Amino acid sequence: MSGTGAAMRVVDTLLRAVGGRSVMLRLPAPAVPSDPAEQLGNATPLFQEVELAPVVYRQARATVAAGKAARWELLVSATVVEQLVGTLAYASASVLFAGAYGVLSDDELLEIESATAEQAFGQPYAYRLMLRAPLQQMV
C-alpha cells in the first residue's frame, strides 16, 4: 500500500514538473425536480464542471487524416480522480469517466473515447484518457 502512495506522489510531482495544467471534466448535474415542466420530462439538462489537475496532454496522432478527428491523450493524476469518485459518490473511476460528457479545455469540449488506469502494486496511480475533438470543429 505504501508503494502505491509513493507512486501517486511521484506522478503528481512529475505532472506538475513537466508543465501540468488543469482542465474541467463536464458531468451531468444532479436533477432537482422543482418545476412542473421538469416533472413531465421537459427538463433542460444541467452540467457541472469539476477540475482535474494536474494533467498533461500529448497528441496521440501526429497527422490528422481527412474526415478524422484529432485525438489527444490526457494523463490525469489518480489522486484527484480518487477524490472526485469519493466526493461525487461514483462507484469507480470508470463509471465517472463513462458518465462524463467530455473534457473542457481552452473552451473546447473533447469527447472521452476511453479511460484506462496505469497501476502499481494493483492500484491506480494515473489515468490515461483518449480524447477526440468534435468533427464539426475540424477544418
Protein backbone atom coordinates (compact mmCIF):
# COMPACT_ATOMS: atom_id res chain seq x y z
CA MET A 1 0.00 0.00 0.00
CA SER A 2 2.83 2.42 0.77
CA GLY A 3 4.29 1.72 -2.68
CA THR A 4 1.04 2.87 -4.28
CA GLY A 5 1.02 6.08 -2.26
CA ALA A 6 4.61 6.73 -3.29
CA ALA A 7 3.78 6.09 -6.95
CA MET A 8 0.87 8.54 -6.76
CA ARG A 9 3.07 11.24 -5.17
CA VAL A 10 5.77 10.71 -7.81
CA VAL A 11 3.23 11.02 -10.65
CA ASP A 12 1.71 14.15 -9.10
CA THR A 13 5.16 15.72 -8.84
CA LEU A 14 6.15 14.70 -12.38
CA LEU A 15 2.91 16.00 -13.89
CA ARG A 16 3.44 19.37 -12.21
CA ALA A 17 7.13 19.46 -13.17
CA VAL A 18 6.50 18.89 -16.89
CA GLY A 19 4.03 21.75 -17.09
CA GLY A 20 0.93 20.09 -15.69
CA ARG A 21 -2.19 22.13 -16.10
CA SER A 22 -5.85 21.89 -15.22
CA VAL A 23 -8.89 21.03 -17.31
CA MET A 24 -12.56 20.70 -16.46
CA LEU A 25 -14.45 17.41 -16.52
CA ARG A 26 -18.05 18.07 -17.62
CA LEU A 27 -20.54 15.88 -15.77
CA PRO A 28 -24.33 15.79 -15.62
CA ALA A 29 -25.62 17.83 -12.68
CA PRO A 30 -27.88 16.11 -10.18
CA ALA A 31 -31.54 16.50 -11.14
CA VAL A 32 -33.67 18.63 -8.83
CA PRO A 33 -37.38 18.49 -9.74
CA SER A 34 -38.60 21.98 -8.85
CA ASP A 35 -40.53 22.99 -11.96
CA PRO A 36 -43.73 21.26 -13.20
CA ALA A 37 -42.23 21.11 -16.73
CA GLU A 38 -39.30 19.17 -15.34
CA GLN A 39 -41.66 16.69 -13.74
CA LEU A 40 -43.08 15.99 -17.19
CA GLY A 41 -39.64 15.17 -18.56
CA ASN A 42 -39.04 18.50 -20.27
CA ALA A 43 -36.12 19.48 -18.08
CA THR A 44 -33.19 21.38 -19.51
CA PRO A 45 -30.06 19.31 -18.95
CA LEU A 46 -27.70 20.88 -16.49
CA PHE A 47 -23.97 20.31 -16.20
CA GLN A 48 -21.39 20.63 -13.51
CA GLU A 49 -17.74 21.07 -14.23
CA VAL A 50 -15.09 19.76 -11.87
CA GLU A 51 -11.40 20.50 -12.10
CA LEU A 52 -8.85 17.84 -12.99
CA ALA A 53 -5.31 18.86 -12.06
CA PRO A 54 -2.50 18.12 -12.61
CA VAL A 55 -2.91 16.77 -16.14
CA VAL A 56 -0.61 16.60 -19.16
CA TYR A 57 -1.61 16.44 -22.86
CA ARG A 58 0.06 14.50 -25.64
CA GLN A 59 -1.08 14.36 -29.25
CA ALA A 60 -1.99 10.76 -30.00
CA ARG A 61 -1.88 11.03 -33.78
CA ALA A 62 0.80 13.12 -35.49
CA THR A 63 -1.23 13.78 -38.63
CA VAL A 64 -4.95 14.16 -38.93
CA ALA A 65 -6.48 12.32 -41.87
CA ALA A 66 -9.34 13.89 -43.82
CA GLY A 67 -12.65 13.27 -42.08
CA LYS A 68 -10.95 12.05 -38.89
CA ALA A 69 -11.00 14.00 -35.65
CA ALA A 70 -7.78 14.93 -33.92
CA ARG A 71 -7.02 12.64 -30.98
CA TRP A 72 -5.27 13.55 -27.76
CA GLU A 73 -4.02 11.59 -24.80
CA LEU A 74 -4.53 13.10 -21.37
CA LEU A 75 -2.63 11.77 -18.35
CA VAL A 76 -4.51 12.53 -15.12
CA SER A 77 -3.33 12.15 -11.55
CA ALA A 78 -5.09 9.32 -9.70
CA THR A 79 -5.09 11.49 -6.57
CA VAL A 80 -7.65 13.91 -7.99
CA VAL A 81 -9.70 11.11 -9.60
CA GLU A 82 -9.97 9.25 -6.28
CA GLN A 83 -11.10 12.45 -4.57
CA LEU A 84 -13.79 13.05 -7.21
CA VAL A 85 -15.03 9.45 -7.09
CA GLY A 86 -15.45 9.72 -3.31
CA THR A 87 -16.86 13.25 -3.22
CA LEU A 88 -19.36 12.76 -6.04
CA ALA A 89 -20.31 9.24 -4.87
CA TYR A 90 -19.41 7.38 -8.07
CA ALA A 91 -18.85 3.62 -7.84
CA SER A 92 -15.47 3.81 -9.60
CA ALA A 93 -13.30 5.93 -11.86
CA SER A 94 -14.55 4.03 -14.91
CA VAL A 95 -18.14 4.98 -14.02
CA LEU A 96 -17.05 8.60 -13.52
CA PHE A 97 -15.42 8.83 -16.95
CA ALA A 98 -18.18 6.84 -18.70
CA GLY A 99 -20.81 9.25 -17.39
CA ALA A 100 -18.87 12.39 -18.29
CA TYR A 101 -19.84 14.45 -21.33
CA GLY A 102 -16.21 15.25 -22.01
CA VAL A 103 -13.20 17.29 -21.02
CA LEU A 104 -13.38 21.07 -21.39
CA SER A 105 -10.00 22.51 -22.28
CA ASP A 106 -9.43 26.05 -23.57
CA ASP A 107 -13.17 26.43 -24.35
CA GLU A 108 -13.22 23.23 -26.43
CA LEU A 109 -15.18 20.18 -25.33
CA LEU A 110 -13.28 16.99 -26.13
CA GLU A 111 -15.05 13.63 -26.14
CA ILE A 112 -13.66 10.83 -23.95
CA GLU A 113 -13.12 7.77 -26.15
CA SER A 114 -11.56 5.59 -23.46
CA ALA A 115 -10.12 5.72 -19.97
CA THR A 116 -7.54 3.29 -18.65
CA ALA A 117 -5.76 3.10 -15.32
CA GLU A 118 -1.99 2.88 -15.01
CA GLN A 119 -1.26 0.68 -12.00
CA ALA A 120 1.46 -0.07 -9.47
CA PHE A 121 1.02 -2.83 -6.88
CA GLY A 122 -2.52 -3.39 -8.22
CA GLN A 123 -3.64 0.19 -7.50
CA PRO A 124 -4.02 3.08 -9.99
CA TYR A 125 -1.53 5.92 -9.82
CA ALA A 126 -2.65 7.71 -13.03
CA TYR A 127 -5.43 7.56 -15.63
CA ARG A 128 -4.90 7.79 -19.37
CA LEU A 129 -7.84 9.35 -21.23
CA MET A 130 -8.05 9.16 -25.02
CA LEU A 131 -9.83 12.30 -26.20
CA ARG A 132 -11.25 13.23 -29.58
CA ALA A 133 -12.01 16.69 -30.92
CA PRO A 134 -15.52 17.07 -32.36
CA LEU A 135 -15.66 16.57 -36.15
CA GLN A 136 -17.70 19.74 -36.72
CA GLN A 137 -14.73 21.76 -35.47
CA MET A 138 -12.36 20.18 -37.99
CA VAL A 139 -11.41 22.45 -40.89
